[in-house]
PDB file of N, CA and C in Angstrom:
ATOM      1  N   UNK A   1     -99.014 -45.800 -83.225  1.00  0.00           N
ATOM      2  CA  UNK A   1     -98.406 -45.157 -82.061  1.00  0.00           C
ATOM      3  C   UNK A   1     -98.507 -43.933 -81.688  1.00  0.00           C
ATOM      4  N   UNK A   2     -98.260 -43.767 -83.366  1.00  0.00           N
ATOM      5  CA  UNK A   2     -98.080 -42.522 -84.243  1.00  0.00           C
ATOM      6  C   UNK A   2     -98.996 -42.208 -84.314  1.00  0.00           C
ATOM      7  N   UNK A   3     -99.946 -42.432 -84.484  1.00  0.00           N
ATOM      8  CA  UNK A   3    -101.396 -41.934 -84.768  1.00  0.00           C
ATOM      9  C   UNK A   3    -102.513 -40.751 -84.355  1.00  0.00           C
ATOM     10  N   UNK A   4    -102.061 -42.252 -82.415  1.00  0.00           N
ATOM     11  CA  UNK A   4    -102.627 -42.612 -81.758  1.00  0.00           C
ATOM     12  C   UNK A   4    -102.284 -40.628 -80.709  1.00  0.00           C
ATOM     13  N   UNK A   5    -101.320 -40.834 -81.292  1.00  0.00           N
ATOM     14  CA  UNK A   5    -100.108 -38.969 -80.358  1.00  0.00           C
ATOM     15  C   UNK A   5    -100.546 -37.865 -81.258  1.00  0.00           C
ATOM     16  N   UNK A   6    -100.757 -38.056 -82.367  1.00  0.00           N
ATOM     17  CA  UNK A   6    -101.116 -37.218 -83.002  1.00  0.00           C
ATOM     18  C   UNK A   6    -103.099 -37.080 -82.751  1.00  0.00           C
ATOM     19  N   UNK A   7    -103.325 -38.065 -82.657  1.00  0.00           N
ATOM     20  CA  UNK A   7    -105.218 -37.156 -81.663  1.00  0.00           C
ATOM     21  C   UNK A   7    -104.877 -37.127 -81.055  1.00  0.00           C
ATOM     22  N   UNK A   8    -104.134 -37.684 -79.700  1.00  0.00           N
ATOM     23  CA  UNK A   8    -104.198 -36.253 -78.708  1.00  0.00           C
ATOM     24  C   UNK A   8    -104.005 -35.538 -78.494  1.00  0.00           C
ATOM     25  N   UNK A   9    -103.413 -34.558 -79.128  1.00  0.00           N
ATOM     26  CA  UNK A   9    -102.943 -33.320 -79.089  1.00  0.00           C
ATOM     27  C   UNK A   9    -104.161 -31.934 -79.600  1.00  0.00           C
ATOM     28  N   UNK A  10    -105.394 -33.198 -80.585  1.00  0.00           N
ATOM     29  CA  UNK A  10    -105.571 -31.707 -81.420  1.00  0.00           C
ATOM     30  C   UNK A  10    -106.781 -31.894 -80.033  1.00  0.00           C
ATOM     31  N   UNK A  11    -106.980 -33.179 -79.375  1.00  0.00           N
ATOM     32  CA  UNK A  11    -107.242 -33.051 -78.223  1.00  0.00           C
ATOM     33  C   UNK A  11    -107.249 -32.522 -77.143  1.00  0.00           C
ATOM     34  N   UNK A  12    -106.422 -31.758 -77.176  1.00  0.00           N
ATOM     35  CA  UNK A  12    -105.304 -30.821 -75.647  1.00  0.00           C
ATOM     36  C   UNK A  12    -106.057 -29.686 -76.040  1.00  0.00           C
ATOM     37  N   UNK A  13    -105.971 -29.004 -74.885  1.00  0.00           N
ATOM     38  CA  UNK A  13    -106.725 -27.388 -74.621  1.00  0.00           C
ATOM     39  C   UNK A  13    -105.540 -26.921 -73.650  1.00  0.00           C
ATOM     40  N   UNK A  14    -104.824 -26.705 -73.679  1.00  0.00           N
ATOM     41  CA  UNK A  14    -104.063 -25.638 -73.305  1.00  0.00           C
ATOM     42  C   UNK A  14    -104.459 -24.954 -71.587  1.00  0.00           C
ATOM     43  N   UNK A  15    -104.152 -24.716 -71.139  1.00  0.00           N
ATOM     44  CA  UNK A  15    -104.892 -23.600 -69.471  1.00  0.00           C
ATOM     45  C   UNK A  15    -103.885 -23.138 -68.377  1.00  0.00           C
ATOM     46  N   UNK A  16    -103.707 -21.796 -68.100  1.00  0.00           N
ATOM     47  CA  UNK A  16    -103.409 -20.649 -67.265  1.00  0.00           C
ATOM     48  C   UNK A  16    -104.185 -21.120 -66.282  1.00  0.00           C
ATOM     49  N   UNK A  17    -103.128 -21.068 -64.643  1.00  0.00           N
ATOM     50  CA  UNK A  17    -103.253 -20.340 -63.629  1.00  0.00           C
ATOM     51  C   UNK A  17    -103.299 -18.770 -63.333  1.00  0.00           C
ATOM     52  N   UNK A  18    -104.748 -18.573 -63.199  1.00  0.00           N
ATOM     53  CA  UNK A  18    -105.434 -16.596 -63.540  1.00  0.00           C
ATOM     54  C   UNK A  18    -106.207 -16.367 -61.506  1.00  0.00           C
ATOM     55  N   UNK A  19    -105.512 -15.363 -61.776  1.00  0.00           N
ATOM     56  CA  UNK A  19    -105.676 -14.839 -60.047  1.00  0.00           C
ATOM     57  C   UNK A  19    -107.057 -13.901 -60.863  1.00  0.00           C
ATOM     58  N   UNK A  20    -108.018 -13.964 -59.994  1.00  0.00           N
ATOM     59  CA  UNK A  20    -109.412 -12.485 -60.393  1.00  0.00           C
ATOM     60  C   UNK A  20    -108.871 -11.315 -59.645  1.00  0.00           C
ATOM     61  N   UNK A  21    -108.667 -10.516 -61.238  1.00  0.00           N
ATOM     62  CA  UNK A  21    -108.586  -9.994 -60.809  1.00  0.00           C
ATOM     63  C   UNK A  21    -109.767  -8.681 -59.952  1.00  0.00           C
ATOM     64  N   UNK A  22    -110.898  -9.505 -59.599  1.00  0.00           N
ATOM     65  CA  UNK A  22    -111.599  -8.285 -58.275  1.00  0.00           C
ATOM     66  C   UNK A  22    -111.973  -8.993 -56.638  1.00  0.00           C
ATOM     67  N   UNK A  23    -111.308 -10.216 -56.922  1.00  0.00           N
ATOM     68  CA  UNK A  23    -111.686 -11.152 -55.563  1.00  0.00           C
ATOM     69  C   UNK A  23    -110.651 -11.112 -54.850  1.00  0.00           C
ATOM     70  N   UNK A  24    -109.054 -12.002 -55.936  1.00  0.00           N
ATOM     71  CA  UNK A  24    -107.943 -12.148 -55.707  1.00  0.00           C
ATOM     72  C   UNK A  24    -108.321 -14.092 -55.950  1.00  0.00           C
ATOM     73  N   UNK A  25    -109.766 -14.936 -55.723  1.00  0.00           N
ATOM     74  CA  UNK A  25    -109.115 -15.877 -55.833  1.00  0.00           C
ATOM     75  C   UNK A  25    -108.308 -16.747 -57.307  1.00  0.00           C
ATOM     76  N   UNK A  26    -107.684 -17.585 -56.923  1.00  0.00           N
ATOM     77  CA  UNK A  26    -107.576 -18.203 -58.707  1.00  0.00           C
ATOM     78  C   UNK A  26    -108.371 -19.441 -58.898  1.00  0.00           C
ATOM     79  N   UNK A  27    -107.719 -19.338 -60.300  1.00  0.00           N
ATOM     80  CA  UNK A  27    -108.669 -20.683 -60.772  1.00  0.00           C
ATOM     81  C   UNK A  27    -108.152 -20.469 -62.136  1.00  0.00           C
ATOM     82  N   UNK A  28    -108.077 -21.535 -63.459  1.00  0.00           N
ATOM     83  CA  UNK A  28    -107.956 -22.167 -64.711  1.00  0.00           C
ATOM     84  C   UNK A  28    -108.864 -21.753 -65.465  1.00  0.00           C
ATOM     85  N   UNK A  29    -108.482 -20.743 -66.547  1.00  0.00           N
ATOM     86  CA  UNK A  29    -108.741 -20.996 -68.142  1.00  0.00           C
ATOM     87  C   UNK A  29    -107.747 -20.595 -68.806  1.00  0.00           C
ATOM     88  N   UNK A  30    -108.585 -20.850 -70.205  1.00  0.00           N
ATOM     89  CA  UNK A  30    -107.997 -21.525 -71.092  1.00  0.00           C
ATOM     90  C   UNK A  30    -107.485 -20.855 -71.694  1.00  0.00           C
ATOM     91  N   UNK A  31    -106.061 -20.938 -72.172  1.00  0.00           N
ATOM     92  CA  UNK A  31    -104.986 -20.405 -73.046  1.00  0.00           C
ATOM     93  C   UNK A  31    -104.990 -19.450 -73.421  1.00  0.00           C
ATOM     94  N   UNK A  32    -104.625 -18.155 -73.630  1.00  0.00           N
ATOM     95  CA  UNK A  32    -105.076 -17.165 -74.585  1.00  0.00           C
ATOM     96  C   UNK A  32    -106.082 -16.117 -75.066  1.00  0.00           C
ATOM     97  N   UNK A  33    -107.231 -17.419 -73.520  1.00  0.00           N
ATOM     98  CA  UNK A  33    -109.055 -16.159 -73.065  1.00  0.00           C
ATOM     99  C   UNK A  33    -108.061 -15.051 -72.507  1.00  0.00           C
ATOM    100  N   UNK A  34    -108.904 -13.688 -72.654  1.00  0.00           N
ATOM    101  CA  UNK A  34    -109.290 -12.445 -72.230  1.00  0.00           C
ATOM    102  C   UNK A  34    -109.477 -12.103 -70.636  1.00  0.00           C
ATOM    103  N   UNK A  35    -109.752 -12.827 -70.361  1.00  0.00           N
ATOM    104  CA  UNK A  35    -111.024 -13.024 -69.201  1.00  0.00           C
ATOM    105  C   UNK A  35    -110.516 -12.902 -68.431  1.00  0.00           C
ATOM    106  N   UNK A  36    -110.536 -11.582 -67.056  1.00  0.00           N
ATOM    107  CA  UNK A  36    -109.772 -11.798 -66.017  1.00  0.00           C
ATOM    108  C   UNK A  36    -110.193 -11.370 -64.646  1.00  0.00           C
ATOM    109  N   UNK A  37    -111.554 -11.926 -65.253  1.00  0.00           N
ATOM    110  CA  UNK A  37    -112.200 -12.265 -63.437  1.00  0.00           C
ATOM    111  C   UNK A  37    -113.180 -13.208 -63.835  1.00  0.00           C
ATOM    112  N   UNK A  38    -113.453 -14.295 -62.192  1.00  0.00           N
ATOM    113  CA  UNK A  38    -113.746 -15.394 -62.459  1.00  0.00           C
ATOM    114  C   UNK A  38    -115.188 -15.134 -62.611  1.00  0.00           C
ATOM    115  N   UNK A  39    -115.653 -16.580 -62.784  1.00  0.00           N
ATOM    116  CA  UNK A  39    -117.226 -17.377 -63.316  1.00  0.00           C
ATOM    117  C   UNK A  39    -118.440 -15.948 -62.045  1.00  0.00           C
ATOM    118  N   UNK A  40    -118.049 -16.185 -60.785  1.00  0.00           N
ATOM    119  CA  UNK A  40    -118.427 -15.472 -59.426  1.00  0.00           C
ATOM    120  C   UNK A  40    -118.559 -14.492 -59.279  1.00  0.00           C
ATOM    121  N   UNK A  41    -117.791 -13.465 -59.894  1.00  0.00           N
ATOM    122  CA  UNK A  41    -117.028 -11.664 -60.040  1.00  0.00           C
ATOM    123  C   UNK A  41    -117.987 -11.434 -61.875  1.00  0.00           C
ATOM    124  N   UNK A  42    -117.621 -11.642 -62.741  1.00  0.00           N
ATOM    125  CA  UNK A  42    -118.376 -11.511 -63.882  1.00  0.00           C
ATOM    126  C   UNK A  42    -119.294 -10.885 -63.364  1.00  0.00           C
ATOM    127  N   UNK A  43    -120.272 -11.407 -63.150  1.00  0.00           N
ATOM    128  CA  UNK A  43    -121.511 -10.596 -63.453  1.00  0.00           C
ATOM    129  C   UNK A  43    -121.582  -9.530 -62.396  1.00  0.00           C
ATOM    130  N   UNK A  44    -121.033  -9.581 -62.014  1.00  0.00           N
ATOM    131  CA  UNK A  44    -120.885  -8.379 -60.343  1.00  0.00           C
ATOM    132  C   UNK A  44    -120.142  -6.808 -61.263  1.00  0.00           C
ATOM    133  N   UNK A  45    -119.340  -7.669 -61.933  1.00  0.00           N
ATOM    134  CA  UNK A  45    -117.843  -6.860 -62.710  1.00  0.00           C
ATOM    135  C   UNK A  45    -118.639  -6.404 -64.073  1.00  0.00           C
ATOM    136  N   UNK A  46    -120.050  -6.622 -63.897  1.00  0.00           N
ATOM    137  CA  UNK A  46    -120.608  -6.940 -65.618  1.00  0.00           C
ATOM    138  C   UNK A  46    -121.726  -5.033 -64.868  1.00  0.00           C
ATOM    139  N   UNK A  47    -121.792  -4.718 -63.499  1.00  0.00           N
ATOM    140  CA  UNK A  47    -122.949  -3.899 -63.403  1.00  0.00           C
ATOM    141  C   UNK A  47    -122.382  -3.025 -62.406  1.00  0.00           C
ATOM    142  N   UNK A  48    -120.639  -2.888 -63.113  1.00  0.00           N
ATOM    143  CA  UNK A  48    -120.776  -1.508 -62.390  1.00  0.00           C
ATOM    144  C   UNK A  48    -120.348  -0.520 -63.525  1.00  0.00           C
ATOM    145  N   UNK A  49    -120.746  -0.087 -63.189  1.00  0.00           N
ATOM    146  CA  UNK A  49    -120.259   1.795 -64.191  1.00  0.00           C
ATOM    147  C   UNK A  49    -119.175   2.302 -64.676  1.00  0.00           C
ATOM    148  N   UNK A  50    -119.185   2.232 -65.759  1.00  0.00           N
ATOM    149  CA  UNK A  50    -117.815   3.168 -66.883  1.00  0.00           C
ATOM    150  C   UNK A  50    -117.518   3.981 -66.295  1.00  0.00           C
ATOM    151  N   UNK A  51    -116.038   4.234 -66.070  1.00  0.00           N
ATOM    152  CA  UNK A  51    -115.054   5.064 -66.014  1.00  0.00           C
ATOM    153  C   UNK A  51    -115.598   6.314 -66.102  1.00  0.00           C
ATOM    154  N   UNK A  52    -115.813   7.881 -65.438  1.00  0.00           N
ATOM    155  CA  UNK A  52    -115.580   8.478 -66.155  1.00  0.00           C
ATOM    156  C   UNK A  52    -114.641   9.117 -66.651  1.00  0.00           C
ATOM    157  N   UNK A  53    -113.335   9.572 -65.954  1.00  0.00           N
ATOM    158  CA  UNK A  53    -112.245  10.357 -66.476  1.00  0.00           C
ATOM    159  C   UNK A  53    -112.141   8.708 -67.755  1.00  0.00           C
ATOM    160  N   UNK A  54    -111.232   9.143 -68.883  1.00  0.00           N
ATOM    161  CA  UNK A  54    -110.303   8.319 -69.506  1.00  0.00           C
ATOM    162  C   UNK A  54    -109.184   8.496 -69.249  1.00  0.00           C
ATOM    163  N   UNK A  55    -108.087   7.446 -68.911  1.00  0.00           N
ATOM    164  CA  UNK A  55    -107.182   7.539 -68.147  1.00  0.00           C
ATOM    165  C   UNK A  55    -106.238   7.675 -68.798  1.00  0.00           C
ATOM    166  N   UNK A  56    -105.590   8.671 -68.482  1.00  0.00           N
ATOM    167  CA  UNK A  56    -103.692  10.022 -68.939  1.00  0.00           C
ATOM    168  C   UNK A  56    -102.603   8.874 -68.433  1.00  0.00           C
ATOM    169  N   UNK A  57    -101.789   9.281 -69.567  1.00  0.00           N
ATOM    170  CA  UNK A  57    -100.337   8.852 -69.332  1.00  0.00           C
ATOM    171  C   UNK A  57    -100.157   9.484 -68.056  1.00  0.00           C
ATOM    172  N   UNK A  58     -98.954   8.898 -66.927  1.00  0.00           N
ATOM    173  CA  UNK A  58     -99.015   9.375 -65.595  1.00  0.00           C
ATOM    174  C   UNK A  58     -97.701  10.679 -66.099  1.00  0.00           C
ATOM    175  N   UNK A  59     -97.531  11.386 -65.521  1.00  0.00           N
ATOM    176  CA  UNK A  59     -96.517  12.282 -65.313  1.00  0.00           C
ATOM    177  C   UNK A  59     -95.982  12.754 -64.160  1.00  0.00           C
ATOM    178  N   UNK A  60     -94.801  13.240 -64.074  1.00  0.00           N
ATOM    179  CA  UNK A  60     -94.562  13.034 -62.777  1.00  0.00           C
ATOM    180  C   UNK A  60     -94.310  14.424 -61.726  1.00  0.00           C
ATOM    181  N   UNK A  61     -94.444  14.671 -60.827  1.00  0.00           N
ATOM    182  CA  UNK A  61     -94.343  16.040 -60.072  1.00  0.00           C
ATOM    183  C   UNK A  61     -93.339  17.005 -60.309  1.00  0.00           C
ATOM    184  N   UNK A  62     -93.499  18.110 -60.958  1.00  0.00           N
ATOM    185  CA  UNK A  62     -91.731  18.665 -61.320  1.00  0.00           C
ATOM    186  C   UNK A  62     -91.525  20.623 -60.696  1.00  0.00           C
ATOM    187  N   UNK A  63     -90.497  20.201 -59.289  1.00  0.00           N
ATOM    188  CA  UNK A  63     -90.358  21.293 -58.583  1.00  0.00           C
ATOM    189  C   UNK A  63     -89.879  22.214 -59.527  1.00  0.00           C
ATOM    190  N   UNK A  64     -90.327  23.177 -58.182  1.00  0.00           N
ATOM    191  CA  UNK A  64     -89.321  24.418 -59.304  1.00  0.00           C
ATOM    192  C   UNK A  64     -87.291  24.292 -58.374  1.00  0.00           C
ATOM    193  N   UNK A  65     -86.799  24.693 -58.946  1.00  0.00           N
ATOM    194  CA  UNK A  65     -85.088  24.542 -58.395  1.00  0.00           C
ATOM    195  C   UNK A  65     -85.531  25.435 -57.075  1.00  0.00           C
ATOM    196  N   UNK A  66     -84.684  24.207 -56.323  1.00  0.00           N
ATOM    197  CA  UNK A  66     -84.190  25.432 -54.559  1.00  0.00           C
ATOM    198  C   UNK A  66     -83.370  26.602 -55.551  1.00  0.00           C
ATOM    199  N   UNK A  67     -84.218  26.824 -54.465  1.00  0.00           N
ATOM    200  CA  UNK A  67     -82.739  28.732 -54.743  1.00  0.00           C
ATOM    201  C   UNK A  67     -82.411  28.998 -53.573  1.00  0.00           C
ATOM    202  N   UNK A  68     -80.769  28.835 -53.073  1.00  0.00           N
ATOM    203  CA  UNK A  68     -80.066  29.428 -52.281  1.00  0.00           C
ATOM    204  C   UNK A  68     -79.765  31.334 -52.450  1.00  0.00           C
ATOM    205  N   UNK A  69     -79.471  31.409 -51.427  1.00  0.00           N
ATOM    206  CA  UNK A  69     -79.703  33.407 -50.961  1.00  0.00           C
ATOM    207  C   UNK A  69     -78.677  33.088 -50.190  1.00  0.00           C
ATOM    208  N   UNK A  70     -78.658  34.092 -50.860  1.00  0.00           N
ATOM    209  CA  UNK A  70     -77.125  34.867 -49.968  1.00  0.00           C
ATOM    210  C   UNK A  70     -75.490  33.455 -49.949  1.00  0.00           C
ATOM    211  N   UNK A  71     -75.827  32.868 -51.029  1.00  0.00           N
ATOM    212  CA  UNK A  71     -74.492  31.870 -50.623  1.00  0.00           C
ATOM    213  C   UNK A  71     -73.227  32.157 -51.570  1.00  0.00           C
ATOM    214  N   UNK A  72     -72.059  32.201 -50.929  1.00  0.00           N
ATOM    215  CA  UNK A  72     -70.873  32.660 -51.947  1.00  0.00           C
ATOM    216  C   UNK A  72     -70.179  31.448 -52.060  1.00  0.00           C
ATOM    217  N   UNK A  73     -69.714  30.541 -52.921  1.00  0.00           N
ATOM    218  CA  UNK A  73     -69.190  29.622 -53.692  1.00  0.00           C
ATOM    219  C   UNK A  73     -67.821  30.309 -54.385  1.00  0.00           C
ATOM    220  N   UNK A  74     -66.940  29.452 -53.698  1.00  0.00           N
ATOM    221  CA  UNK A  74     -65.659  30.328 -54.309  1.00  0.00           C
ATOM    222  C   UNK A  74     -64.263  28.731 -54.298  1.00  0.00           C
ATOM    223  N   UNK A  75     -63.760  29.046 -55.145  1.00  0.00           N
ATOM    224  CA  UNK A  75     -62.507  28.232 -56.061  1.00  0.00           C
ATOM    225  C   UNK A  75     -60.920  29.273 -55.263  1.00  0.00           C
ATOM    226  N   UNK A  76     -60.892  28.713 -54.552  1.00  0.00           N
ATOM    227  CA  UNK A  76     -59.473  28.584 -54.322  1.00  0.00           C
ATOM    228  C   UNK A  76     -58.500  27.920 -54.862  1.00  0.00           C
ATOM    229  N   UNK A  77     -57.549  28.170 -55.878  1.00  0.00           N
ATOM    230  CA  UNK A  77     -56.529  28.297 -55.806  1.00  0.00           C
ATOM    231  C   UNK A  77     -55.279  28.377 -55.240  1.00  0.00           C
ATOM    232  N   UNK A  78     -54.757  27.164 -54.815  1.00  0.00           N
ATOM    233  CA  UNK A  78     -53.229  26.744 -53.317  1.00  0.00           C
ATOM    234  C   UNK A  78     -52.016  26.189 -54.143  1.00  0.00           C
ATOM    235  N   UNK A  79     -51.661  26.633 -54.793  1.00  0.00           N
ATOM    236  CA  UNK A  79     -50.636  26.360 -55.802  1.00  0.00           C
ATOM    237  C   UNK A  79     -49.198  25.753 -54.320  1.00  0.00           C
ATOM    238  N   UNK A  80     -49.610  25.371 -53.356  1.00  0.00           N
ATOM    239  CA  UNK A  80     -48.732  24.458 -52.447  1.00  0.00           C
ATOM    240  C   UNK A  80     -49.637  22.415 -52.566  1.00  0.00           C
ATOM    241  N   UNK A  81     -50.438  23.152 -53.127  1.00  0.00           N
ATOM    242  CA  UNK A  81     -50.699  21.583 -53.430  1.00  0.00           C
ATOM    243  C   UNK A  81     -51.375  20.888 -54.084  1.00  0.00           C
ATOM    244  N   UNK A  82     -50.155  21.018 -54.806  1.00  0.00           N
ATOM    245  CA  UNK A  82     -50.373  20.208 -56.939  1.00  0.00           C
ATOM    246  C   UNK A  82     -50.873  18.733 -56.732  1.00  0.00           C
ATOM    247  N   UNK A  83     -51.472  18.202 -58.044  1.00  0.00           N
ATOM    248  CA  UNK A  83     -52.429  17.593 -57.947  1.00  0.00           C
ATOM    249  C   UNK A  83     -50.791  16.539 -58.085  1.00  0.00           C
ATOM    250  N   UNK A  84     -49.592  16.261 -57.995  1.00  0.00           N
ATOM    251  CA  UNK A  84     -48.886  15.429 -58.475  1.00  0.00           C
ATOM    252  C   UNK A  84     -49.193  13.620 -57.461  1.00  0.00           C
ATOM    253  N   UNK A  85     -48.306  12.077 -58.701  1.00  0.00           N
ATOM    254  CA  UNK A  85     -48.335  11.667 -58.274  1.00  0.00           C
ATOM    255  C   UNK A  85     -47.665  11.305 -56.505  1.00  0.00           C
ATOM    256  N   UNK A  86     -47.528  10.580 -55.615  1.00  0.00           N
ATOM    257  CA  UNK A  86     -47.041  10.585 -54.919  1.00  0.00           C
ATOM    258  C   UNK A  86     -46.513   9.782 -54.973  1.00  0.00           C
ATOM    259  N   UNK A  87     -45.968   9.446 -55.572  1.00  0.00           N
ATOM    260  CA  UNK A  87     -45.448   7.998 -55.746  1.00  0.00           C
ATOM    261  C   UNK A  87     -45.667   6.433 -56.109  1.00  0.00           C
ATOM    262  N   UNK A  88     -46.967   6.138 -56.224  1.00  0.00           N
ATOM    263  CA  UNK A  88     -47.477   5.114 -55.931  1.00  0.00           C
ATOM    264  C   UNK A  88     -47.379   4.473 -57.452  1.00  0.00           C
ATOM    265  N   UNK A  89     -48.123   3.751 -58.018  1.00  0.00           N
ATOM    266  CA  UNK A  89     -48.124   2.694 -59.874  1.00  0.00           C
ATOM    267  C   UNK A  89     -49.404   3.448 -59.212  1.00  0.00           C
ATOM    268  N   UNK A  90     -49.653   3.700 -60.248  1.00  0.00           N
ATOM    269  CA  UNK A  90     -51.328   4.894 -61.714  1.00  0.00           C
ATOM    270  C   UNK A  90     -51.391   3.471 -62.254  1.00  0.00           C
TER     271      UNK A  90
END
């Protein structure tokens, strides 16, 4: 019984459920295969021209800081409102 089980493992092939990155249909491929297009779309994609521009690392847009003119920021010191505990428990 044990040798029969080992023999089955040799003949087994792992598969994955994959969607085609061209048409979106679902298909089954062998596990670890690098194909991303179904058999129907593979010839269509092979005929497409190669991209002209090499993909670059994405760069986030940077804008200058907003300047606010004619604005004065004042910190007033008011001794009547000291930061003391209001009799509560901390």
